[in-house]
Amino acid sequence: MARQTGIIGIQGTVGGLVFSKNGNISQKPASNKAAFASAPSRARTRENAAEFGLAANYSKLLRDSLRVAIAAASDSRVTSRLTAKMREVIGLDDTNDRGQRVFDATNSAPLLGFNFNAGAGIGQTMYFPYEVTGAGADVTMSIPALNPASDIAAPQGTTHFEVVFAASSLDMEMLTYTNAVVAAPLGILAVNSLALVNQTVVASFPAAPAAANLVVGVVGINFYQQVNGKFYPLNNNSTNPLAIEYVA
């Protein structure tokens, strides 16, 4: 192995030679791109790579479609966790061959319950009953009763909270999405406010989503501290839960 010991340091690749930081010089390895693309021994690797790339695209599409809600309630590993979940859904495709399997909305059940913020679970924060249903162009969240004093486990320092509800329709083939509009959200409420009963929040699409589309509804809660009339997110959103509570 040759060693470069002169006063002029060289690092990187020059003319097919790789100059290391420690002075060692080695031959640049030949590219295995052609082998990866055609070698029979790499078939499983190619299939896995193709489906992983597709899962990453699906994950990004879902995150983009709900980015406002996710921005207030997500952890540092949400991208990899959601991609793994999308990969699981792709694996349920029993029509196409390995490496060519795709997302089928009829297989979307594994997404139900996915928590965007692993450090803050809905089950440990929101104790009031609710149901999310879909019909036509609407996805509806129904809350029979909500008593903030007993039904919400608010972190210390919280003065106000906001129930989050959002929905999106995703075309997984074209990688496009449409957001539903929530015309009358519950808004930001004081933690000592009076109990609410029979509340309905509706997220409406411009038209009923196509049957092949994935329709997702998420539910969560944001916590705030009011100071001088302004609402400040609590604990950098680390305590805000958000989960997928409806898929179709």
Protein backbone atom coordinates (compact mmCIF):
# COMPACT_ATOMS: atom_id res chain seq x y z
CA MET A 1 0.00 0.00 0.00
CA ALA A 2 1.46 3.34 -1.02
CA ARG A 3 1.58 6.25 1.42
CA GLN A 4 1.61 9.96 0.62
CA THR A 5 3.96 11.71 3.05
CA GLY A 6 4.66 15.04 1.35
CA ILE A 7 3.69 18.42 2.73
CA ILE A 8 0.79 18.74 0.27
CA GLY A 9 -2.11 16.68 1.59
CA ILE A 10 -4.45 14.94 -0.83
CA GLN A 11 -7.79 13.57 0.26
CA GLY A 12 -10.53 12.07 -1.86
CA THR A 13 -10.53 10.32 -5.23
CA VAL A 14 -8.07 11.30 -7.96
CA GLY A 15 -7.67 9.33 -11.20
CA GLY A 16 -9.16 6.16 -9.79
CA LEU A 17 -7.09 6.32 -6.58
CA VAL A 18 -8.58 6.99 -3.16
CA PHE A 19 -6.42 9.17 -0.89
CA SER A 20 -7.38 8.63 2.74
CA LYS A 21 -7.01 11.20 5.51
CA ASN A 22 -4.33 9.07 7.18
CA GLY A 23 -2.18 9.08 4.03
CA ASN A 24 -3.12 5.63 2.72
CA ILE A 25 -3.82 5.22 -1.00
CA SER A 26 -6.07 2.53 -2.46
CA GLN A 27 -7.68 1.66 -5.77
CA LYS A 28 -11.23 2.95 -6.18
CA PRO A 29 -13.55 -0.06 -6.09
CA ALA A 30 -15.37 -0.89 -9.28
CA SER A 31 -19.00 0.14 -9.42
CA ASN A 32 -21.45 -2.66 -8.71
CA LYS A 33 -24.42 -0.78 -10.15
CA ALA A 34 -24.62 -3.06 -13.18
CA ALA A 35 -24.47 -6.16 -10.99
CA PHE A 36 -27.17 -4.80 -8.72
CA ALA A 37 -29.44 -4.18 -11.70
CA SER A 38 -29.07 -7.60 -13.31
CA ALA A 39 -27.41 -10.21 -11.11
CA PRO A 40 -29.81 -13.04 -10.15
CA SER A 41 -28.24 -13.11 -6.68
CA ARG A 42 -29.42 -9.53 -6.10
CA ALA A 43 -33.05 -10.19 -7.02
CA ARG A 44 -34.36 -10.07 -3.45
CA THR A 45 -32.32 -6.94 -2.76
CA ARG A 46 -33.76 -5.22 -5.83
CA GLU A 47 -37.30 -6.17 -4.81
CA ASN A 48 -36.84 -4.91 -1.27
CA ALA A 49 -35.27 -1.69 -2.48
CA ALA A 50 -38.13 -1.02 -4.90
CA GLU A 51 -40.80 -1.55 -2.26
CA PHE A 52 -38.92 0.42 0.38
CA GLY A 53 -38.64 3.36 -2.02
CA LEU A 54 -42.36 3.18 -2.72
CA ALA A 55 -43.13 3.03 1.01
CA ALA A 56 -40.98 6.12 1.55
CA ASN A 57 -42.96 7.97 -1.14
CA TYR A 58 -46.26 6.96 0.45
CA SER A 59 -45.02 8.04 3.86
CA LYS A 60 -43.96 11.44 2.57
CA LEU A 61 -47.29 11.94 0.82
CA LEU A 62 -49.24 11.25 4.01
CA ARG A 63 -46.97 13.49 6.07
CA ASP A 64 -47.23 16.29 3.52
CA SER A 65 -51.01 16.04 3.44
CA LEU A 66 -51.25 16.47 7.22
CA ARG A 67 -48.16 18.59 7.80
CA VAL A 68 -49.93 21.30 9.81
CA ALA A 69 -51.30 18.83 12.37
CA ILE A 70 -48.12 16.74 12.40
CA ALA A 71 -45.89 19.79 12.93
CA ALA A 72 -47.48 20.28 16.35
CA ALA A 73 -47.28 16.60 17.37
CA SER A 74 -44.47 14.41 16.06
CA ASP A 75 -41.23 12.83 17.19
CA SER A 76 -37.81 12.62 15.56
CA ARG A 77 -38.45 9.11 14.21
CA VAL A 78 -41.90 9.65 12.73
CA THR A 79 -40.58 9.42 9.16
CA SER A 80 -38.93 6.03 9.60
CA ARG A 81 -41.80 4.67 11.70
CA LEU A 82 -44.44 5.68 9.16
CA THR A 83 -42.34 4.34 6.28
CA ALA A 84 -42.11 0.99 8.06
CA LYS A 85 -45.89 0.98 8.48
CA MET A 86 -46.38 1.76 4.78
CA ARG A 87 -44.00 -1.09 3.95
CA GLU A 88 -46.22 -3.37 6.02
CA VAL A 89 -49.29 -2.30 4.01
CA ILE A 90 -47.47 -2.88 0.71
CA GLY A 91 -46.66 -6.38 1.90
CA LEU A 92 -50.38 -7.16 2.07
CA ASP A 93 -50.76 -6.77 -1.69
CA ASP A 94 -51.58 -10.30 -2.85
CA THR A 95 -52.05 -9.39 -6.51
CA ASN A 96 -48.67 -8.15 -7.73
CA ASP A 97 -45.29 -9.90 -7.62
CA ARG A 98 -42.64 -9.02 -5.05
CA GLY A 99 -40.89 -5.81 -5.97
CA GLN A 100 -44.01 -4.62 -7.80
CA ARG A 101 -46.48 -4.62 -4.92
CA VAL A 102 -48.27 -1.34 -4.25
CA PHE A 103 -50.50 0.33 -1.68
CA ASP A 104 -54.10 -0.87 -1.75
CA ALA A 105 -56.54 1.16 0.35
CA THR A 106 -58.41 -2.03 1.26
CA ASN A 107 -55.26 -3.13 3.13
CA SER A 108 -54.87 0.11 5.08
CA ALA A 109 -55.93 -1.27 8.49
CA PRO A 110 -52.32 -1.37 9.83
CA LEU A 111 -52.30 2.45 9.68
CA LEU A 112 -55.18 2.70 12.13
CA GLY A 113 -53.90 3.84 15.50
CA PHE A 114 -50.53 5.04 14.20
CA ASN A 115 -49.20 7.62 16.65
CA PHE A 116 -47.18 10.46 15.15
CA ASN A 117 -45.73 11.35 18.56
CA ALA A 118 -44.46 8.17 20.20
CA GLY A 119 -43.78 9.98 23.45
CA ALA A 120 -47.38 11.15 23.91
CA GLY A 121 -50.18 8.63 23.55
CA ILE A 122 -53.83 9.55 23.05
CA GLY A 123 -54.88 6.83 25.49
CA GLN A 124 -52.88 8.51 28.23
CA THR A 125 -54.10 12.02 27.44
CA MET A 126 -57.66 12.04 26.08
CA TYR A 127 -60.19 10.19 28.24
CA PHE A 128 -63.39 11.46 26.66
CA PRO A 129 -65.34 9.24 24.23
CA TYR A 130 -65.29 10.03 20.52
CA GLU A 131 -66.01 8.34 17.20
CA VAL A 132 -64.75 9.11 13.70
CA THR A 133 -66.91 8.05 10.75
CA GLY A 134 -67.01 8.76 7.03
CA ALA A 135 -69.83 9.19 4.54
CA GLY A 136 -69.61 10.71 1.07
CA ALA A 137 -67.48 13.85 1.13
CA ASP A 138 -67.48 14.13 4.94
CA VAL A 139 -65.41 12.65 7.73
CA THR A 140 -67.06 13.33 11.08
CA MET A 141 -65.78 13.31 14.65
CA SER A 142 -68.55 12.91 17.24
CA ILE A 143 -67.94 13.70 20.93
CA PRO A 144 -70.85 12.74 23.21
CA ALA A 145 -69.34 14.46 26.26
CA LEU A 146 -66.12 16.24 27.19
CA ASN A 147 -65.36 17.53 30.68
CA PRO A 148 -61.92 19.18 30.54
CA ALA A 149 -61.41 18.90 34.30
CA SER A 150 -61.62 15.11 34.29
CA ASP A 151 -61.29 13.96 30.68
CA ILE A 152 -57.96 15.53 29.72
CA ALA A 153 -54.59 14.78 31.32
CA ALA A 154 -53.00 18.17 30.74
CA PRO A 155 -49.27 18.66 31.44
CA GLN A 156 -48.25 20.99 34.23
CA GLY A 157 -48.45 24.62 33.20
CA THR A 158 -51.31 24.11 30.73
CA THR A 159 -54.00 26.78 30.70
CA HIS A 160 -55.72 25.89 27.42
CA PHE A 161 -56.10 22.98 25.02
CA GLU A 162 -57.29 22.39 21.47
CA VAL A 163 -58.83 19.22 20.08
CA VAL A 164 -57.23 18.53 16.70
CA PHE A 165 -59.17 16.87 13.90
CA ALA A 166 -58.08 16.71 10.26
CA ALA A 167 -58.64 14.51 7.22
CA SER A 168 -57.01 14.00 3.84
CA SER A 169 -57.70 11.95 0.72
CA LEU A 170 -54.63 10.45 -0.97
CA ASP A 171 -54.27 9.15 -4.50
CA MET A 172 -51.48 6.63 -3.91
CA GLU A 173 -50.96 6.03 -7.63
CA MET A 174 -50.53 9.66 -8.68
CA LEU A 175 -49.03 10.66 -5.30
CA THR A 176 -51.41 13.59 -4.87
CA TYR A 177 -53.71 14.55 -2.03
CA THR A 178 -56.71 16.70 -1.13
CA ASN A 179 -57.29 18.14 2.33
CA ALA A 180 -60.71 18.29 3.93
CA VAL A 181 -61.87 21.59 5.39
CA VAL A 182 -63.03 21.75 9.01
CA ALA A 183 -65.58 24.56 8.97
CA ALA A 184 -66.31 24.73 12.71
CA PRO A 185 -63.53 23.35 14.95
CA LEU A 186 -63.98 23.39 18.72
CA GLY A 187 -61.20 25.95 18.99
CA ILE A 188 -58.86 26.68 21.89
CA LEU A 189 -60.59 26.08 25.23
CA ALA A 190 -59.59 26.71 28.83
CA VAL A 191 -58.78 23.63 30.89
CA ASN A 192 -61.29 24.83 33.49
CA SER A 193 -64.07 25.47 30.96
CA LEU A 194 -67.53 23.98 31.31
CA ALA A 195 -68.29 20.48 30.07
CA LEU A 196 -69.32 20.05 26.42
CA VAL A 197 -71.99 17.64 25.21
CA ASN A 198 -72.95 16.25 21.80
CA GLN A 199 -70.24 18.00 19.82
CA THR A 200 -69.79 17.23 16.12
CA VAL A 201 -66.82 18.32 14.04
CA VAL A 202 -67.02 17.72 10.28
CA ALA A 203 -64.11 17.65 7.81
CA SER A 204 -65.47 18.08 4.26
CA PHE A 205 -63.81 17.35 0.92
CA PRO A 206 -64.82 19.25 -2.22
CA ALA A 207 -66.28 15.96 -3.50
CA ALA A 208 -66.53 12.38 -2.33
CA PRO A 209 -63.06 10.77 -2.59
CA ALA A 210 -62.50 8.16 -5.30
CA ALA A 211 -63.04 4.61 -4.13
CA ALA A 212 -59.37 3.75 -4.71
CA ASN A 213 -58.11 6.66 -2.62
CA LEU A 214 -56.86 6.33 0.94
CA VAL A 215 -58.90 8.56 3.26
CA VAL A 216 -57.24 9.29 6.59
CA GLY A 217 -58.63 11.05 9.64
CA VAL A 218 -56.38 12.08 12.54
CA VAL A 219 -57.30 13.08 16.08
CA GLY A 220 -55.10 14.76 18.64
CA ILE A 221 -54.79 17.51 21.19
CA ASN A 222 -52.53 20.55 21.50
CA PHE A 223 -51.67 22.13 24.85
CA TYR A 224 -51.04 25.83 25.39
CA GLN A 225 -50.08 28.27 28.10
CA GLN A 226 -51.69 31.69 27.90
CA VAL A 227 -49.43 34.63 28.73
CA ASN A 228 -50.56 38.21 28.25
CA GLY A 229 -53.37 37.15 25.96
CA LYS A 230 -51.17 34.99 23.71
CA PHE A 231 -51.21 31.20 23.44
CA TYR A 232 -47.80 29.52 23.56
CA PRO A 233 -47.38 25.82 22.66
CA LEU A 234 -46.40 23.84 25.73
CA ASN A 235 -43.10 21.94 25.99
CA ASN A 236 -42.21 22.36 22.30
CA ASN A 237 -45.13 20.11 21.34
CA SER A 238 -43.55 17.06 22.99
CA THR A 239 -46.73 16.39 24.99
CA ASN A 240 -49.18 16.71 22.09
CA PRO A 241 -50.60 13.37 20.90
CA LEU A 242 -51.84 12.78 17.33
CA ALA A 243 -52.97 9.48 15.89
CA ILE A 244 -54.72 8.05 12.83
CA GLU A 245 -58.24 7.26 14.02
CA TYR A 246 -59.95 6.66 10.66
CA VAL A 247 -58.90 4.95 7.42
CA ALA A 248 -61.00 4.01 4.41
